[in-house]
Amino acid sequence: MIQRPSHIEIGKQVLSLPVYFPSVSSVKTPLSIFEYTSVLCALQIKQFLVSAFDIYFAETDHQQKIRIKITEALNNGTTVLMDSGNYESYWHREKEAWLQTNYHKMLANNNCSLAFGFDEQSPPDDFSAHISLICERQKQDQAVNTKIAIVPIIHGKTEAIPRFCAKVVEKIKLDMIAVPERCLGKGIFARARNVIEIRNALNATGRYVVLHLLGTGNPISLAIYTLAGADSFDGLEWCQTVVDHETATLFHFSHADFFQKQTIWGDIAIDFYPGTLAHNLEFYRMWMERLSQHIHAGQGVAFCKRHFPNRIYSVCEDALGWKE
């Protein structure tokens, strides 16, 4: 049986597992990309995700400022993950304007530690054609920047995802692969079971491959999917909601007033937005550290029992067959 390592090298980057990347995006967020990257750099967050789309379409002066912040983060040892930008192009209704050639300009001219490949969100139905498309895209993206690892994103029908992941890994010999959480099923338990299937399929290739879930930032989901076999995550919850440190549940961003005394940020004269972001990031740092410690000690279920609200843990225990 292949065991999850505590660290893994992706390209020239070493990641601690499990790992959460706070996402920076122009979609459904109140601040600018520069403001978010500034907060992340000021707090010396160890890793975060940025969108190539957002950098590409930023005003010239903002684009330069964002690049300076990213360089600052990299120089401080931060892992910067560049996203393909297709999420933003969909929500901004710019799918026709955002092409792989545009992405390649960002990939070639922006520093980052690793990057997702330019994914096809409406892949062909034929299995072989789909695999060929993923492998060809990965080859094209990697040729643009050979200094970093390109991580393919797998879309497709839920039941076929595990087979797609394993086949792509076999063909390209990848160390990391990504799947959007929404592709895993409708409910969290269906998604968790699919993560288990993907992990089993990846392990059957004979090597440990990091499984990244896109769009996963709910703390309870992070723990459930980690137990199921996922390793890496990114999400916008850190900047769209506020987290209650006591229950690991999320509330509307404006409800931060209820929880401001849970961290030192509630006692500091700081603006509401950056103060709330700092409150959230402090939670995610501690949450992932504790989750990692328990997972590698074989105590993942005990972590969930201790930190989940009682009702949620009880339902998980029954649905997923958890045992301490």
C-alpha atoms as a PDB file:
ATOM      1  CA  MET A   1       0.000   0.000   0.000  1.00  0.00           C
ATOM      2  CA  ILE A   2       1.354   3.421  -0.992  1.00  0.00           C
ATOM      3  CA  GLN A   3       1.406   5.830   1.949  1.00  0.00           C
ATOM      4  CA  ARG A   4       0.883   9.579   1.657  1.00  0.00           C
ATOM      5  CA  PRO A   5       4.256  11.303   2.192  1.00  0.00           C
ATOM      6  CA  SER A   6       4.547  14.293   4.510  1.00  0.00           C
ATOM      7  CA  HIS A   7       6.298  16.260   1.743  1.00  0.00           C
ATOM      8  CA  ILE A   8       6.644  15.859  -1.993  1.00  0.00           C
ATOM      9  CA  GLU A   9       8.753  17.579  -4.638  1.00  0.00           C
ATOM     10  CA  ILE A  10       6.814  18.973  -7.606  1.00  0.00           C
ATOM     11  CA  GLY A  11       9.275  20.209 -10.181  1.00  0.00           C
ATOM     12  CA  LYS A  12      11.684  22.198  -8.011  1.00  0.00           C
ATOM     13  CA  GLN A  13       9.062  22.978  -5.379  1.00  0.00           C
ATOM     14  CA  VAL A  14       8.643  21.075  -2.112  1.00  0.00           C
ATOM     15  CA  LEU A  15       5.075  20.935  -0.777  1.00  0.00           C
ATOM     16  CA  SER A  16       3.977  19.848   2.682  1.00  0.00           C
ATOM     17  CA  LEU A  17       0.902  17.603   2.507  1.00  0.00           C
ATOM     18  CA  PRO A  18      -1.945  18.271   2.855  1.00  0.00           C
ATOM     19  CA  VAL A  19      -1.761  21.858   1.610  1.00  0.00           C
ATOM     20  CA  TYR A  20      -4.304  24.643   1.095  1.00  0.00           C
ATOM     21  CA  PHE A  21      -3.769  27.473  -1.405  1.00  0.00           C
ATOM     22  CA  PRO A  22      -5.855  30.605  -0.693  1.00  0.00           C
ATOM     23  CA  SER A  23      -7.119  31.635  -4.130  1.00  0.00           C
ATOM     24  CA  VAL A  24      -6.913  35.176  -5.477  1.00  0.00           C
ATOM     25  CA  SER A  25      -9.624  35.918  -8.030  1.00  0.00           C
ATOM     26  CA  SER A  26     -11.635  38.769  -9.520  1.00  0.00           C
ATOM     27  CA  VAL A  27     -14.822  36.677  -9.371  1.00  0.00           C
ATOM     28  CA  LYS A  28     -17.303  37.440  -6.569  1.00  0.00           C
ATOM     29  CA  THR A  29     -14.709  39.230  -4.435  1.00  0.00           C
ATOM     30  CA  PRO A  30     -14.859  42.869  -3.210  1.00  0.00           C
ATOM     31  CA  LEU A  31     -11.171  43.833  -3.300  1.00  0.00           C
ATOM     32  CA  SER A  32      -8.684  44.084  -6.163  1.00  0.00           C
ATOM     33  CA  ILE A  33      -6.186  41.385  -7.059  1.00  0.00           C
ATOM     34  CA  PHE A  34      -3.374  43.673  -5.927  1.00  0.00           C
ATOM     35  CA  GLU A  35      -5.017  44.207  -2.530  1.00  0.00           C
ATOM     36  CA  TYR A  36      -5.410  40.464  -1.945  1.00  0.00           C
ATOM     37  CA  THR A  37      -1.835  39.675  -2.958  1.00  0.00           C
ATOM     38  CA  SER A  38      -0.660  42.512  -0.710  1.00  0.00           C
ATOM     39  CA  VAL A  39      -2.421  40.986   2.311  1.00  0.00           C
ATOM     40  CA  LEU A  40      -1.032  37.532   1.546  1.00  0.00           C
ATOM     41  CA  CYS A  41       2.497  38.902   1.201  1.00  0.00           C
ATOM     42  CA  ALA A  42       2.212  41.042   4.332  1.00  0.00           C
ATOM     43  CA  LEU A  43       1.193  37.996   6.354  1.00  0.00           C
ATOM     44  CA  GLN A  44       3.906  35.874   4.687  1.00  0.00           C
ATOM     45  CA  ILE A  45       1.459  33.134   3.713  1.00  0.00           C
ATOM     46  CA  LYS A  46       3.435  30.095   2.568  1.00  0.00           C
ATOM     47  CA  GLN A  47       1.412  29.434  -0.580  1.00  0.00           C
ATOM     48  CA  PHE A  48      -1.368  30.993  -2.644  1.00  0.00           C
ATOM     49  CA  LEU A  49      -2.991  30.774  -6.085  1.00  0.00           C
ATOM     50  CA  VAL A  50      -3.318  33.550  -8.669  1.00  0.00           C
ATOM     51  CA  SER A  51      -5.206  33.590 -11.957  1.00  0.00           C
ATOM     52  CA  ALA A  52      -3.377  34.200 -15.216  1.00  0.00           C
ATOM     53  CA  PHE A  53      -6.603  35.717 -16.579  1.00  0.00           C
ATOM     54  CA  ASP A  54      -6.720  38.363 -13.855  1.00  0.00           C
ATOM     55  CA  ILE A  55      -3.115  39.389 -14.398  1.00  0.00           C
ATOM     56  CA  TYR A  56      -3.564  39.505 -18.179  1.00  0.00           C
ATOM     57  CA  PHE A  57      -6.630  41.769 -18.048  1.00  0.00           C
ATOM     58  CA  ALA A  58      -5.454  43.977 -15.173  1.00  0.00           C
ATOM     59  CA  GLU A  59      -4.751  47.626 -15.918  1.00  0.00           C
ATOM     60  CA  THR A  60      -1.112  48.197 -16.820  1.00  0.00           C
ATOM     61  CA  ASP A  61      -0.112  49.814 -13.530  1.00  0.00           C
ATOM     62  CA  HIS A  62      -1.936  47.162 -11.481  1.00  0.00           C
ATOM     63  CA  GLN A  63      -0.409  44.382 -13.556  1.00  0.00           C
ATOM     64  CA  GLN A  64       3.064  45.639 -12.763  1.00  0.00           C
ATOM     65  CA  LYS A  65       2.236  45.970  -9.056  1.00  0.00           C
ATOM     66  CA  ILE A  66       0.859  42.426  -8.965  1.00  0.00           C
ATOM     67  CA  ARG A  67       3.998  41.082 -10.601  1.00  0.00           C
ATOM     68  CA  ILE A  68       6.153  42.905  -8.048  1.00  0.00           C
ATOM     69  CA  LYS A  69       4.142  41.367  -5.205  1.00  0.00           C
ATOM     70  CA  ILE A  70       4.421  37.885  -6.709  1.00  0.00           C
ATOM     71  CA  THR A  71       8.185  38.307  -7.068  1.00  0.00           C
ATOM     72  CA  GLU A  72       8.338  39.496  -3.464  1.00  0.00           C
ATOM     73  CA  ALA A  73       6.428  36.404  -2.353  1.00  0.00           C
ATOM     74  CA  LEU A  74       8.679  34.069  -4.328  1.00  0.00           C
ATOM     75  CA  ASN A  75      11.797  35.702  -2.906  1.00  0.00           C
ATOM     76  CA  ASN A  76      10.398  35.069   0.581  1.00  0.00           C
ATOM     77  CA  GLY A  77       9.980  31.366  -0.149  1.00  0.00           C
ATOM     78  CA  THR A  78       6.249  31.401  -0.924  1.00  0.00           C
ATOM     79  CA  THR A  79       4.850  28.820  -3.340  1.00  0.00           C
ATOM     80  CA  VAL A  80       2.859  30.652  -6.020  1.00  0.00           C
ATOM     81  CA  LEU A  81       0.487  28.497  -8.055  1.00  0.00           C
ATOM     82  CA  MET A  82      -0.770  30.019 -11.322  1.00  0.00           C
ATOM     83  CA  ASP A  83      -4.241  29.010 -12.470  1.00  0.00           C
ATOM     84  CA  SER A  84      -5.221  28.696 -16.130  1.00  0.00           C
ATOM     85  CA  GLY A  85      -7.762  31.515 -15.820  1.00  0.00           C
ATOM     86  CA  ASN A  86     -10.628  29.556 -17.355  1.00  0.00           C
ATOM     87  CA  TYR A  87     -12.715  29.927 -14.187  1.00  0.00           C
ATOM     88  CA  GLU A  88     -12.552  33.721 -14.475  1.00  0.00           C
ATOM     89  CA  SER A  89     -13.082  33.702 -18.233  1.00  0.00           C
ATOM     90  CA  TYR A  90     -16.324  31.767 -17.711  1.00  0.00           C
ATOM     91  CA  TRP A  91     -17.750  34.109 -15.074  1.00  0.00           C
ATOM     92  CA  HIS A  92     -16.613  37.253 -16.894  1.00  0.00           C
ATOM     93  CA  ARG A  93     -18.099  35.871 -20.136  1.00  0.00           C
ATOM     94  CA  GLU A  94     -14.741  36.119 -21.874  1.00  0.00           C
ATOM     95  CA  LYS A  95     -14.327  32.490 -22.922  1.00  0.00           C
ATOM     96  CA  GLU A  96     -13.938  33.468 -26.563  1.00  0.00           C
ATOM     97  CA  ALA A  97     -11.297  36.076 -25.739  1.00  0.00           C
ATOM     98  CA  TRP A  98      -9.260  33.953 -23.330  1.00  0.00           C
ATOM     99  CA  LEU A  99      -7.192  31.568 -25.419  1.00  0.00           C
ATOM    100  CA  GLN A 100      -4.316  29.222 -24.718  1.00  0.00           C
ATOM    101  CA  THR A 101      -2.016  31.657 -26.554  1.00  0.00           C
ATOM    102  CA  ASN A 102      -2.992  34.383 -24.051  1.00  0.00           C
ATOM    103  CA  TYR A 103      -2.270  32.024 -21.197  1.00  0.00           C
ATOM    104  CA  HIS A 104       1.120  31.209 -22.675  1.00  0.00           C
ATOM    105  CA  LYS A 105       2.064  34.902 -22.571  1.00  0.00           C
ATOM    106  CA  MET A 106       1.373  34.922 -18.842  1.00  0.00           C
ATOM    107  CA  LEU A 107       3.102  31.595 -18.309  1.00  0.00           C
ATOM    108  CA  ALA A 108       6.223  32.811 -20.087  1.00  0.00           C
ATOM    109  CA  ASN A 109       6.396  36.274 -18.546  1.00  0.00           C
ATOM    110  CA  ASN A 110       5.285  35.740 -14.952  1.00  0.00           C
ATOM    111  CA  ASN A 111       7.173  34.101 -12.161  1.00  0.00           C
ATOM    112  CA  CYS A 112       5.425  31.273 -10.377  1.00  0.00           C
ATOM    113  CA  SER A 113       6.387  28.064  -8.605  1.00  0.00           C
ATOM    114  CA  LEU A 114       4.067  25.783 -10.559  1.00  0.00           C
ATOM    115  CA  ALA A 115       1.000  26.147 -12.781  1.00  0.00           C
ATOM    116  CA  PHE A 116      -2.144  24.406 -13.881  1.00  0.00           C
ATOM    117  CA  GLY A 117      -2.434  23.487 -17.515  1.00  0.00           C
ATOM    118  CA  PHE A 118      -4.843  25.247 -19.869  1.00  0.00           C
ATOM    119  CA  ASP A 119      -7.838  22.996 -19.327  1.00  0.00           C
ATOM    120  CA  GLU A 120     -10.656  22.083 -21.691  1.00  0.00           C
ATOM    121  CA  GLN A 121     -13.900  22.410 -19.744  1.00  0.00           C
ATOM    122  CA  SER A 122     -16.002  20.740 -22.455  1.00  0.00           C
ATOM    123  CA  PRO A 123     -13.826  17.745 -23.382  1.00  0.00           C
ATOM    124  CA  PRO A 124     -14.704  15.237 -26.108  1.00  0.00           C
ATOM    125  CA  ASP A 125     -16.860  12.273 -25.126  1.00  0.00           C
ATOM    126  CA  ASP A 126     -14.458   9.752 -26.616  1.00  0.00           C
ATOM    127  CA  PHE A 127     -12.067   8.478 -23.925  1.00  0.00           C
ATOM    128  CA  SER A 128      -8.974   8.237 -26.132  1.00  0.00           C
ATOM    129  CA  ALA A 129      -9.574  11.631 -27.731  1.00  0.00           C
ATOM    130  CA  HIS A 130      -9.985  13.176 -24.299  1.00  0.00           C
ATOM    131  CA  ILE A 131      -6.733  11.663 -23.023  1.00  0.00           C
ATOM    132  CA  SER A 132      -4.880  12.785 -26.144  1.00  0.00           C
ATOM    133  CA  LEU A 133      -6.181  16.337 -25.737  1.00  0.00           C
ATOM    134  CA  ILE A 134      -5.061  16.542 -22.099  1.00  0.00           C
ATOM    135  CA  CYS A 135      -1.596  15.187 -22.900  1.00  0.00           C
ATOM    136  CA  GLU A 136      -1.142  17.471 -25.905  1.00  0.00           C
ATOM    137  CA  ARG A 137      -2.216  20.551 -23.936  1.00  0.00           C
ATOM    138  CA  GLN A 138       0.172  19.635 -21.137  1.00  0.00           C
ATOM    139  CA  LYS A 139       3.015  19.251 -23.638  1.00  0.00           C
ATOM    140  CA  GLN A 140       2.241  22.644 -25.199  1.00  0.00           C
ATOM    141  CA  ASP A 141       2.050  24.428 -21.852  1.00  0.00           C
ATOM    142  CA  GLN A 142       5.204  22.799 -20.507  1.00  0.00           C
ATOM    143  CA  ALA A 143       7.160  23.864 -23.600  1.00  0.00           C
ATOM    144  CA  VAL A 144       6.419  27.517 -22.798  1.00  0.00           C
ATOM    145  CA  ASN A 145       8.024  27.338 -19.362  1.00  0.00           C
ATOM    146  CA  THR A 146      10.307  24.393 -18.677  1.00  0.00           C
ATOM    147  CA  LYS A 147      11.404  25.736 -15.275  1.00  0.00           C
ATOM    148  CA  ILE A 148       8.163  24.850 -13.501  1.00  0.00           C
ATOM    149  CA  ALA A 149       5.814  21.866 -13.311  1.00  0.00           C
ATOM    150  CA  ILE A 150       2.584  22.013 -15.308  1.00  0.00           C
ATOM    151  CA  VAL A 151      -0.303  20.242 -13.568  1.00  0.00           C
ATOM    152  CA  PRO A 152      -3.159  19.069 -15.840  1.00  0.00           C
ATOM    153  CA  ILE A 153      -6.769  19.664 -14.791  1.00  0.00           C
ATOM    154  CA  ILE A 154      -9.123  16.760 -15.503  1.00  0.00           C
ATOM    155  CA  HIS A 155     -12.732  17.491 -16.442  1.00  0.00           C
ATOM    156  CA  GLY A 156     -15.316  14.923 -17.493  1.00  0.00           C
ATOM    157  CA  LYS A 157     -18.177  12.758 -16.326  1.00  0.00           C
ATOM    158  CA  THR A 158     -18.024  11.888 -12.643  1.00  0.00           C
ATOM    159  CA  GLU A 159     -17.850   8.137 -13.058  1.00  0.00           C
ATOM    160  CA  ALA A 160     -14.969   8.393 -15.556  1.00  0.00           C
ATOM    161  CA  ILE A 161     -12.736  10.769 -13.589  1.00  0.00           C
ATOM    162  CA  PRO A 162     -10.710   8.077 -11.711  1.00  0.00           C
ATOM    163  CA  ARG A 163      -9.872   6.287 -14.958  1.00  0.00           C
ATOM    164  CA  PHE A 164      -8.939   9.556 -16.688  1.00  0.00           C
ATOM    165  CA  CYS A 165      -6.604  10.539 -13.846  1.00  0.00           C
ATOM    166  CA  ALA A 166      -4.799   7.204 -13.810  1.00  0.00           C
ATOM    167  CA  LYS A 167      -4.422   7.073 -17.601  1.00  0.00           C
ATOM    168  CA  VAL A 168      -3.014  10.604 -17.850  1.00  0.00           C
ATOM    169  CA  VAL A 169      -0.521   9.855 -15.058  1.00  0.00           C
ATOM    170  CA  GLU A 170       0.577   6.675 -16.819  1.00  0.00           C
ATOM    171  CA  LYS A 171       1.143   8.542 -20.084  1.00  0.00           C
ATOM    172  CA  ILE A 172       2.903  11.640 -18.733  1.00  0.00           C
ATOM    173  CA  LYS A 173       4.456  10.330 -15.472  1.00  0.00           C
ATOM    174  CA  LEU A 174       3.083  13.214 -13.429  1.00  0.00           C
ATOM    175  CA  ASP A 175       3.687  13.977  -9.767  1.00  0.00           C
ATOM    176  CA  MET A 176       0.464  15.983  -9.408  1.00  0.00           C
ATOM    177  CA  ILE A 177      -2.957  16.099 -11.049  1.00  0.00           C
ATOM    178  CA  ALA A 178      -6.015  18.295 -10.466  1.00  0.00           C
ATOM    179  CA  VAL A 179      -9.788  17.800 -10.562  1.00  0.00           C
ATOM    180  CA  PRO A 180     -12.525  20.416  -9.972  1.00  0.00           C
ATOM    181  CA  GLU A 181     -14.523  19.493  -6.876  1.00  0.00           C
ATOM    182  CA  ARG A 182     -17.776  20.031  -8.774  1.00  0.00           C
ATOM    183  CA  CYS A 183     -16.863  17.164 -11.124  1.00  0.00           C
ATOM    184  CA  LEU A 184     -16.800  14.660  -8.268  1.00  0.00           C
ATOM    185  CA  GLY A 185     -20.547  14.341  -7.687  1.00  0.00           C
ATOM    186  CA  LYS A 186     -23.506  16.223  -6.247  1.00  0.00           C
ATOM    187  CA  GLY A 187     -23.180  15.775  -2.482  1.00  0.00           C
ATOM    188  CA  ILE A 188     -20.111  15.791  -0.287  1.00  0.00           C
ATOM    189  CA  PHE A 189     -20.342  12.068   0.485  1.00  0.00           C
ATOM    190  CA  ALA A 190     -20.581  11.150  -3.193  1.00  0.00           C
ATOM    191  CA  ARG A 191     -17.607  13.407  -3.806  1.00  0.00           C
ATOM    192  CA  ALA A 192     -15.624  11.886  -0.934  1.00  0.00           C
ATOM    193  CA  ARG A 193     -16.257   8.377  -2.283  1.00  0.00           C
ATOM    194  CA  ASN A 194     -15.087   9.496  -5.709  1.00  0.00           C
ATOM    195  CA  VAL A 195     -11.907  10.904  -4.159  1.00  0.00           C
ATOM    196  CA  ILE A 196     -11.316   7.460  -2.648  1.00  0.00           C
ATOM    197  CA  GLU A 197     -11.709   5.914  -6.109  1.00  0.00           C
ATOM    198  CA  ILE A 198      -9.326   8.426  -7.646  1.00  0.00           C
ATOM    199  CA  ARG A 199      -6.755   7.806  -4.922  1.00  0.00           C
ATOM    200  CA  ASN A 200      -6.994   4.049  -5.457  1.00  0.00           C
ATOM    201  CA  ALA A 201      -6.621   4.494  -9.219  1.00  0.00           C
ATOM    202  CA  LEU A 202      -3.601   6.771  -8.790  1.00  0.00           C
ATOM    203  CA  ASN A 203      -1.929   4.439  -6.302  1.00  0.00           C
ATOM    204  CA  ALA A 204      -2.427   1.568  -8.735  1.00  0.00           C
ATOM    205  CA  THR A 205       0.026   3.326 -11.066  1.00  0.00           C
ATOM    206  CA  GLY A 206       2.746   2.389  -8.562  1.00  0.00           C
ATOM    207  CA  ARG A 207       3.752   5.887  -7.480  1.00  0.00           C
ATOM    208  CA  TYR A 208       2.377   8.570  -5.197  1.00  0.00           C
ATOM    209  CA  VAL A 209       0.643  11.317  -7.165  1.00  0.00           C
ATOM    210  CA  VAL A 210      -0.615  14.443  -5.425  1.00  0.00           C
ATOM    211  CA  LEU A 211      -4.352  14.964  -5.970  1.00  0.00           C
ATOM    212  CA  HIS A 212      -5.435  18.614  -6.045  1.00  0.00           C
ATOM    213  CA  LEU A 213      -9.099  19.621  -5.782  1.00  0.00           C
ATOM    214  CA  LEU A 214     -10.006  22.953  -7.343  1.00  0.00           C
ATOM    215  CA  GLY A 215     -12.578  25.151  -5.623  1.00  0.00           C
ATOM    216  CA  THR A 216     -12.357  23.444  -2.228  1.00  0.00           C
ATOM    217  CA  GLY A 217     -11.975  25.850   0.673  1.00  0.00           C
ATOM    218  CA  ASN A 218     -14.589  24.872   3.232  1.00  0.00           C
ATOM    219  CA  PRO A 219     -12.640  23.700   6.327  1.00  0.00           C
ATOM    220  CA  ILE A 220     -14.860  20.685   6.947  1.00  0.00           C
ATOM    221  CA  SER A 221     -14.633  19.675   3.283  1.00  0.00           C
ATOM    222  CA  LEU A 222     -10.842  19.997   3.440  1.00  0.00           C
ATOM    223  CA  ALA A 223     -10.712  17.483   6.280  1.00  0.00           C
ATOM    224  CA  ILE A 224     -13.193  15.026   4.723  1.00  0.00           C
ATOM    225  CA  TYR A 225     -11.439  15.001   1.352  1.00  0.00           C
ATOM    226  CA  THR A 226      -8.017  14.698   2.982  1.00  0.00           C
ATOM    227  CA  LEU A 227      -9.179  11.582   4.817  1.00  0.00           C
ATOM    228  CA  ALA A 228     -10.497  10.277   1.484  1.00  0.00           C
ATOM    229  CA  GLY A 229      -7.111  10.714  -0.217  1.00  0.00           C
ATOM    230  CA  ALA A 230      -6.849  14.263  -1.600  1.00  0.00           C
ATOM    231  CA  ASP A 231      -3.713  16.259  -0.799  1.00  0.00           C
ATOM    232  CA  SER A 232      -3.946  19.785  -2.148  1.00  0.00           C
ATOM    233  CA  PHE A 233      -6.730  22.357  -2.388  1.00  0.00           C
ATOM    234  CA  ASP A 234      -7.549  25.917  -3.393  1.00  0.00           C
ATOM    235  CA  GLY A 235     -10.617  28.006  -2.649  1.00  0.00           C
ATOM    236  CA  LEU A 236     -12.050  31.491  -2.262  1.00  0.00           C
ATOM    237  CA  GLU A 237     -13.803  30.990   1.064  1.00  0.00           C
ATOM    238  CA  TRP A 238     -10.976  32.761   2.895  1.00  0.00           C
ATOM    239  CA  CYS A 239     -11.917  36.040   1.163  1.00  0.00           C
ATOM    240  CA  GLN A 240     -15.668  35.533   0.610  1.00  0.00           C
ATOM    241  CA  THR A 241     -16.779  34.421   4.081  1.00  0.00           C
ATOM    242  CA  VAL A 242     -15.655  34.561   7.712  1.00  0.00           C
ATOM    243  CA  VAL A 243     -14.786  31.427   9.668  1.00  0.00           C
ATOM    244  CA  ASP A 244     -15.792  30.713  13.249  1.00  0.00           C
ATOM    245  CA  HIS A 245     -12.605  29.326  14.817  1.00  0.00           C
ATOM    246  CA  GLU A 246     -14.594  27.369  17.390  1.00  0.00           C
ATOM    247  CA  THR A 247     -16.821  25.386  15.001  1.00  0.00           C
ATOM    248  CA  ALA A 248     -14.896  25.572  11.685  1.00  0.00           C
ATOM    249  CA  THR A 249     -18.108  26.772  10.022  1.00  0.00           C
ATOM    250  CA  LEU A 250     -18.436  29.699   7.619  1.00  0.00           C
ATOM    251  CA  PHE A 251     -20.593  32.818   7.836  1.00  0.00           C
ATOM    252  CA  HIS A 252     -21.288  35.862   5.699  1.00  0.00           C
ATOM    253  CA  PHE A 253     -18.251  38.158   5.495  1.00  0.00           C
ATOM    254  CA  SER A 254     -20.160  40.942   7.274  1.00  0.00           C
ATOM    255  CA  HIS A 255     -20.584  38.655  10.306  1.00  0.00           C
ATOM    256  CA  ALA A 256     -16.894  39.010  11.140  1.00  0.00           C
ATOM    257  CA  ASP A 257     -17.910  41.299  14.012  1.00  0.00           C
ATOM    258  CA  PHE A 258     -19.198  38.207  15.834  1.00  0.00           C
ATOM    259  CA  PHE A 259     -15.799  36.505  15.800  1.00  0.00           C
ATOM    260  CA  GLN A 260     -13.197  39.266  15.878  1.00  0.00           C
ATOM    261  CA  LYS A 261     -12.030  38.452  19.415  1.00  0.00           C
ATOM    262  CA  GLN A 262     -10.961  34.935  18.363  1.00  0.00           C
ATOM    263  CA  THR A 263      -7.586  36.197  17.128  1.00  0.00           C
ATOM    264  CA  ILE A 264      -5.229  39.049  17.900  1.00  0.00           C
ATOM    265  CA  TRP A 265      -6.517  40.818  14.788  1.00  0.00           C
ATOM    266  CA  GLY A 266      -9.653  41.787  16.686  1.00  0.00           C
ATOM    267  CA  ASP A 267      -7.572  43.885  19.081  1.00  0.00           C
ATOM    268  CA  ILE A 268      -5.542  45.679  16.425  1.00  0.00           C
ATOM    269  CA  ALA A 269      -6.572  48.961  14.813  1.00  0.00           C
ATOM    270  CA  ILE A 270      -6.897  47.624  11.284  1.00  0.00           C
ATOM    271  CA  ASP A 271      -9.461  48.080   8.506  1.00  0.00           C
ATOM    272  CA  PHE A 272     -12.388  45.650   8.461  1.00  0.00           C
ATOM    273  CA  TYR A 273     -11.433  43.826   5.233  1.00  0.00           C
ATOM    274  CA  PRO A 274      -7.739  43.082   5.853  1.00  0.00           C
ATOM    275  CA  GLY A 275      -8.513  42.337   9.510  1.00  0.00           C
ATOM    276  CA  THR A 276     -11.109  39.742   8.529  1.00  0.00           C
ATOM    277  CA  LEU A 277      -8.796  38.231   5.921  1.00  0.00           C
ATOM    278  CA  ALA A 278      -6.051  37.923   8.530  1.00  0.00           C
ATOM    279  CA  HIS A 279      -8.551  36.304  10.920  1.00  0.00           C
ATOM    280  CA  ASN A 280      -9.426  33.735   8.256  1.00  0.00           C
ATOM    281  CA  LEU A 281      -5.865  33.042   7.172  1.00  0.00           C
ATOM    282  CA  GLU A 282      -4.805  32.456  10.775  1.00  0.00           C
ATOM    283  CA  PHE A 283      -7.538  29.830  11.046  1.00  0.00           C
ATOM    284  CA  TYR A 284      -6.532  28.054   7.826  1.00  0.00           C
ATOM    285  CA  ARG A 285      -2.890  27.978   8.891  1.00  0.00           C
ATOM    286  CA  MET A 286      -3.724  26.315  12.203  1.00  0.00           C
ATOM    287  CA  TRP A 287      -6.384  24.044  10.686  1.00  0.00           C
ATOM    288  CA  MET A 288      -4.065  22.624   8.049  1.00  0.00           C
ATOM    289  CA  GLU A 289      -1.177  22.204  10.521  1.00  0.00           C
ATOM    290  CA  ARG A 290      -3.362  20.244  12.941  1.00  0.00           C
ATOM    291  CA  LEU A 291      -4.962  18.229  10.148  1.00  0.00           C
ATOM    292  CA  SER A 292      -1.526  17.328   8.795  1.00  0.00           C
ATOM    293  CA  GLN A 293      -0.266  16.232  12.202  1.00  0.00           C
ATOM    294  CA  HIS A 294      -3.289  13.986  12.755  1.00  0.00           C
ATOM    295  CA  ILE A 295      -3.308  12.531   9.230  1.00  0.00           C
ATOM    296  CA  HIS A 296       0.348  11.502   9.367  1.00  0.00           C
ATOM    297  CA  ALA A 297      -0.172  10.029  12.823  1.00  0.00           C
ATOM    298  CA  GLY A 298      -3.091   7.942  11.542  1.00  0.00           C
ATOM    299  CA  GLN A 299      -5.577   9.981  13.598  1.00  0.00           C
ATOM    300  CA  GLY A 300      -7.570  11.753  10.889  1.00  0.00           C
ATOM    301  CA  VAL A 301     -10.933  10.555  12.188  1.00  0.00           C
ATOM    302  CA  ALA A 302     -10.020  11.678  15.710  1.00  0.00           C
ATOM    303  CA  PHE A 303      -9.254  15.136  14.318  1.00  0.00           C
ATOM    304  CA  CYS A 304     -12.713  15.331  12.748  1.00  0.00           C
ATOM    305  CA  LYS A 305     -14.412  14.074  15.894  1.00  0.00           C
ATOM    306  CA  ARG A 306     -12.671  16.719  17.946  1.00  0.00           C
ATOM    307  CA  HIS A 307     -13.151  19.680  15.596  1.00  0.00           C
ATOM    308  CA  PHE A 308     -16.404  19.064  13.678  1.00  0.00           C
ATOM    309  CA  PRO A 309     -19.765  20.105  15.152  1.00  0.00           C
ATOM    310  CA  ASN A 310     -21.267  16.982  16.752  1.00  0.00           C
ATOM    311  CA  ARG A 311     -24.108  16.556  14.268  1.00  0.00           C
ATOM    312  CA  ILE A 312     -21.832  16.864  11.254  1.00  0.00           C
ATOM    313  CA  TYR A 313     -19.330  14.396  12.653  1.00  0.00           C
ATOM    314  CA  SER A 314     -22.085  11.894  13.472  1.00  0.00           C
ATOM    315  CA  VAL A 315     -23.475  12.017   9.928  1.00  0.00           C
ATOM    316  CA  CYS A 316     -19.964  11.640   8.467  1.00  0.00           C
ATOM    317  CA  GLU A 317     -19.233   8.688  10.726  1.00  0.00           C
ATOM    318  CA  ASP A 318     -22.342   6.874   9.492  1.00  0.00           C
ATOM    319  CA  ALA A 319     -22.058   7.798   5.820  1.00  0.00           C
ATOM    320  CA  LEU A 320     -18.326   7.188   5.415  1.00  0.00           C
ATOM    321  CA  GLY A 321     -17.852   4.354   7.895  1.00  0.00           C
ATOM    322  CA  TRP A 322     -15.349   6.256  10.003  1.00  0.00           C
ATOM    323  CA  LYS A 323     -13.799   4.477  12.943  1.00  0.00           C
ATOM    324  CA  GLU A 324     -11.197   5.792  15.362  1.00  0.00           C
END
